[in-house]
Amino acid sequence: MKTYNLTKKQYYWLLKLVWGNGSHQMFGVPREIRDKAYILLCKCGYVGEYNETDRFQLLELREDYVKWLKEGEMDDDLPF
């Protein structure tokens, strides 16, 4: 099975999702997304190696996060 390495940007993004990093934007992230990020971060560890299954989960997590961001933007456009 092929292994990959997390980029610095991916690693810090996962950390930000799990911990929040003091960012007000990250406080509203759904618990499900934060839990997935925590599991991935634990699997990858500090070294940042992950396999193809984890890669699929990382891409799925990114997709869920982008979908959540877009849903949040639509709520701000309410006419009242």
N, C-alpha and C. Protein backbone atom coordinates (compact mmCIF):
# COMPACT_ATOMS: atom_id res chain seq x y z
N MET A 1 0.84 -1.18 0.00
CA MET A 1 0.00 0.00 0.00
C MET A 1 0.89 1.24 0.00
N LYS A 2 0.56 2.16 -0.85
CA LYS A 2 1.35 3.39 -0.99
C LYS A 2 1.13 4.30 0.20
N THR A 3 2.20 4.95 0.65
CA THR A 3 2.07 5.91 1.75
C THR A 3 2.35 7.32 1.22
N TYR A 4 1.74 8.28 1.88
CA TYR A 4 1.87 9.69 1.53
C TYR A 4 2.32 10.46 2.77
N ASN A 5 2.76 11.66 2.58
CA ASN A 5 3.11 12.54 3.69
C ASN A 5 2.21 13.76 3.67
N LEU A 6 1.76 14.15 4.85
CA LEU A 6 0.98 15.38 4.96
C LEU A 6 1.88 16.56 4.64
N THR A 7 1.35 17.51 3.91
CA THR A 7 2.10 18.75 3.71
C THR A 7 1.95 19.57 4.98
N LYS A 8 2.79 20.56 5.09
CA LYS A 8 2.73 21.44 6.27
C LYS A 8 1.36 22.11 6.36
N LYS A 9 0.84 22.51 5.20
CA LYS A 9 -0.46 23.18 5.16
C LYS A 9 -1.58 22.24 5.60
N GLN A 10 -1.53 20.98 5.15
CA GLN A 10 -2.55 20.00 5.56
C GLN A 10 -2.47 19.73 7.06
N TYR A 11 -1.25 19.58 7.57
CA TYR A 11 -1.06 19.29 8.99
C TYR A 11 -1.64 20.41 9.86
N TYR A 12 -1.32 21.65 9.51
CA TYR A 12 -1.82 22.78 10.30
C TYR A 12 -3.32 22.98 10.13
N TRP A 13 -3.85 22.63 8.96
CA TRP A 13 -5.30 22.70 8.77
C TRP A 13 -6.01 21.71 9.67
N LEU A 14 -5.49 20.48 9.75
CA LEU A 14 -6.07 19.48 10.65
C LEU A 14 -5.98 19.94 12.10
N LEU A 15 -4.83 20.48 12.48
CA LEU A 15 -4.67 21.00 13.84
C LEU A 15 -5.68 22.11 14.13
N LYS A 16 -5.86 22.99 13.17
CA LYS A 16 -6.79 24.10 13.34
C LYS A 16 -8.22 23.60 13.50
N LEU A 17 -8.57 22.55 12.74
CA LEU A 17 -9.92 21.98 12.85
C LEU A 17 -10.14 21.36 14.23
N VAL A 18 -9.14 20.67 14.73
CA VAL A 18 -9.27 19.97 16.01
C VAL A 18 -9.22 20.95 17.17
N TRP A 19 -8.25 21.82 17.16
CA TRP A 19 -7.99 22.68 18.31
C TRP A 19 -8.69 24.02 18.22
N GLY A 20 -8.92 24.50 17.02
CA GLY A 20 -9.55 25.80 16.85
C GLY A 20 -8.55 26.92 16.64
N ASN A 21 -7.37 26.79 17.23
CA ASN A 21 -6.27 27.74 17.04
C ASN A 21 -6.67 29.18 17.33
N GLY A 22 -7.65 29.38 18.20
CA GLY A 22 -8.07 30.71 18.56
C GLY A 22 -8.85 31.43 17.47
N SER A 23 -9.17 30.73 16.40
CA SER A 23 -9.88 31.34 15.28
C SER A 23 -11.38 31.26 15.52
N HIS A 24 -12.07 32.38 15.41
CA HIS A 24 -13.51 32.40 15.61
C HIS A 24 -14.23 31.61 14.53
N GLN A 25 -13.65 31.51 13.35
CA GLN A 25 -14.26 30.76 12.25
C GLN A 25 -14.30 29.28 12.58
N MET A 26 -13.33 28.77 13.30
CA MET A 26 -13.25 27.35 13.58
C MET A 26 -14.16 26.91 14.73
N PHE A 27 -14.67 27.85 15.53
CA PHE A 27 -15.51 27.47 16.66
C PHE A 27 -16.84 26.90 16.22
N GLY A 28 -17.32 27.26 15.05
CA GLY A 28 -18.62 26.80 14.59
C GLY A 28 -18.57 25.51 13.78
N VAL A 29 -17.38 24.92 13.64
CA VAL A 29 -17.24 23.71 12.85
C VAL A 29 -18.01 22.57 13.53
N PRO A 30 -18.83 21.85 12.77
CA PRO A 30 -19.60 20.75 13.36
C PRO A 30 -18.71 19.70 14.01
N ARG A 31 -19.24 19.10 15.05
CA ARG A 31 -18.49 18.12 15.83
C ARG A 31 -18.05 16.93 14.97
N GLU A 32 -18.86 16.53 14.03
CA GLU A 32 -18.54 15.39 13.15
C GLU A 32 -17.25 15.66 12.36
N ILE A 33 -17.12 16.85 11.83
CA ILE A 33 -15.93 17.22 11.06
C ILE A 33 -14.71 17.27 11.96
N ARG A 34 -14.87 17.84 13.15
CA ARG A 34 -13.75 17.93 14.10
C ARG A 34 -13.31 16.54 14.55
N ASP A 35 -14.26 15.63 14.75
CA ASP A 35 -13.91 14.27 15.15
C ASP A 35 -13.14 13.54 14.07
N LYS A 36 -13.57 13.70 12.81
CA LYS A 36 -12.85 13.07 11.69
C LYS A 36 -11.43 13.62 11.60
N ALA A 37 -11.28 14.92 11.79
CA ALA A 37 -9.95 15.53 11.75
C ALA A 37 -9.07 15.00 12.87
N TYR A 38 -9.65 14.82 14.05
CA TYR A 38 -8.90 14.30 15.20
C TYR A 38 -8.40 12.88 14.93
N ILE A 39 -9.27 12.05 14.38
CA ILE A 39 -8.89 10.67 14.08
C ILE A 39 -7.77 10.62 13.05
N LEU A 40 -7.90 11.44 12.01
CA LEU A 40 -6.85 11.49 10.99
C LEU A 40 -5.53 12.00 11.55
N LEU A 41 -5.61 13.01 12.39
CA LEU A 41 -4.40 13.58 12.98
C LEU A 41 -3.71 12.55 13.88
N CYS A 42 -4.49 11.77 14.61
CA CYS A 42 -3.91 10.72 15.46
C CYS A 42 -3.27 9.63 14.63
N LYS A 43 -3.91 9.25 13.52
CA LYS A 43 -3.35 8.21 12.65
C LYS A 43 -2.04 8.66 12.01
N CYS A 44 -2.02 9.91 11.55
CA CYS A 44 -0.84 10.42 10.85
C CYS A 44 0.30 10.72 11.80
N GLY A 45 -0.04 11.18 12.99
CA GLY A 45 0.98 11.52 13.96
C GLY A 45 1.80 12.73 13.54
N TYR A 46 2.87 12.97 14.28
CA TYR A 46 3.72 14.12 14.01
C TYR A 46 4.48 13.94 12.71
N VAL A 47 4.81 12.69 12.37
CA VAL A 47 5.55 12.40 11.15
C VAL A 47 4.71 12.74 9.93
N GLY A 48 3.41 12.51 10.01
CA GLY A 48 2.51 12.89 8.93
C GLY A 48 2.38 11.88 7.81
N GLU A 49 2.67 10.61 8.08
CA GLU A 49 2.51 9.58 7.06
C GLU A 49 1.10 9.00 7.11
N TYR A 50 0.53 8.79 5.94
CA TYR A 50 -0.79 8.17 5.88
C TYR A 50 -0.88 7.31 4.63
N ASN A 51 -1.83 6.37 4.65
CA ASN A 51 -1.97 5.44 3.52
C ASN A 51 -3.13 5.86 2.62
N GLU A 52 -3.45 5.02 1.65
CA GLU A 52 -4.48 5.37 0.68
C GLU A 52 -5.87 5.51 1.31
N THR A 53 -6.16 4.68 2.30
CA THR A 53 -7.45 4.78 2.99
C THR A 53 -7.57 6.11 3.72
N ASP A 54 -6.49 6.50 4.40
CA ASP A 54 -6.48 7.78 5.10
C ASP A 54 -6.55 8.94 4.11
N ARG A 55 -5.94 8.75 2.94
CA ARG A 55 -5.99 9.80 1.91
C ARG A 55 -7.43 10.03 1.46
N PHE A 56 -8.18 8.95 1.28
CA PHE A 56 -9.58 9.06 0.92
C PHE A 56 -10.36 9.79 2.01
N GLN A 57 -10.08 9.47 3.26
CA GLN A 57 -10.75 10.13 4.38
C GLN A 57 -10.39 11.61 4.46
N LEU A 58 -9.14 11.94 4.15
CA LEU A 58 -8.71 13.33 4.16
C LEU A 58 -9.43 14.13 3.07
N LEU A 59 -9.55 13.54 1.90
CA LEU A 59 -10.26 14.21 0.81
C LEU A 59 -11.75 14.36 1.13
N GLU A 60 -12.32 13.34 1.76
CA GLU A 60 -13.72 13.40 2.16
C GLU A 60 -13.93 14.47 3.23
N LEU A 61 -12.99 14.57 4.16
CA LEU A 61 -13.06 15.60 5.20
C LEU A 61 -12.99 16.99 4.58
N ARG A 62 -12.12 17.16 3.62
CA ARG A 62 -12.01 18.46 2.93
C ARG A 62 -13.31 18.81 2.23
N GLU A 63 -13.91 17.83 1.58
CA GLU A 63 -15.18 18.04 0.89
C GLU A 63 -16.29 18.42 1.88
N ASP A 64 -16.35 17.73 3.01
CA ASP A 64 -17.35 18.05 4.04
C ASP A 64 -17.14 19.46 4.58
N TYR A 65 -15.88 19.85 4.78
CA TYR A 65 -15.57 21.18 5.30
C TYR A 65 -15.98 22.27 4.31
N VAL A 66 -15.68 22.06 3.03
CA VAL A 66 -16.04 23.04 2.00
C VAL A 66 -17.57 23.15 1.91
N LYS A 67 -18.25 22.02 1.98
CA LYS A 67 -19.71 22.01 1.93
C LYS A 67 -20.29 22.77 3.13
N TRP A 68 -19.69 22.57 4.30
CA TRP A 68 -20.16 23.26 5.50
C TRP A 68 -19.94 24.76 5.37
N LEU A 69 -18.79 25.17 4.82
CA LEU A 69 -18.52 26.60 4.62
C LEU A 69 -19.53 27.23 3.68
N LYS A 70 -19.85 26.54 2.60
CA LYS A 70 -20.82 27.08 1.64
C LYS A 70 -22.20 27.19 2.24
N GLU A 71 -22.61 26.24 3.06
CA GLU A 71 -23.91 26.30 3.72
C GLU A 71 -23.97 27.48 4.67
N GLY A 72 -22.87 27.76 5.36
CA GLY A 72 -22.82 28.88 6.28
C GLY A 72 -22.95 30.21 5.58
N GLU A 73 -22.38 30.34 4.39
CA GLU A 73 -22.48 31.58 3.63
C GLU A 73 -23.91 31.83 3.18
N MET A 74 -24.63 30.78 2.86
CA MET A 74 -26.01 30.94 2.39
C MET A 74 -26.92 31.43 3.52
N ASP A 75 -26.62 31.04 4.74
CA ASP A 75 -27.45 31.46 5.87
C ASP A 75 -27.36 32.97 6.09
N ASP A 76 -26.23 33.58 5.74
CA ASP A 76 -26.04 35.01 5.93
C ASP A 76 -26.86 35.84 4.95
N ASP A 77 -27.35 35.23 3.87
CA ASP A 77 -28.08 35.96 2.86
C ASP A 77 -29.59 35.99 3.10
N LEU A 78 -30.03 35.62 4.27
CA LEU A 78 -31.45 35.63 4.57
C LEU A 78 -31.98 37.06 4.54
N PRO A 79 -33.19 37.26 4.03
CA PRO A 79 -33.72 38.63 3.87
C PRO A 79 -34.21 39.29 5.17
N PHE A 80 -34.15 38.60 6.27
CA PHE A 80 -34.63 39.20 7.53
C PHE A 80 -33.57 39.20 8.59
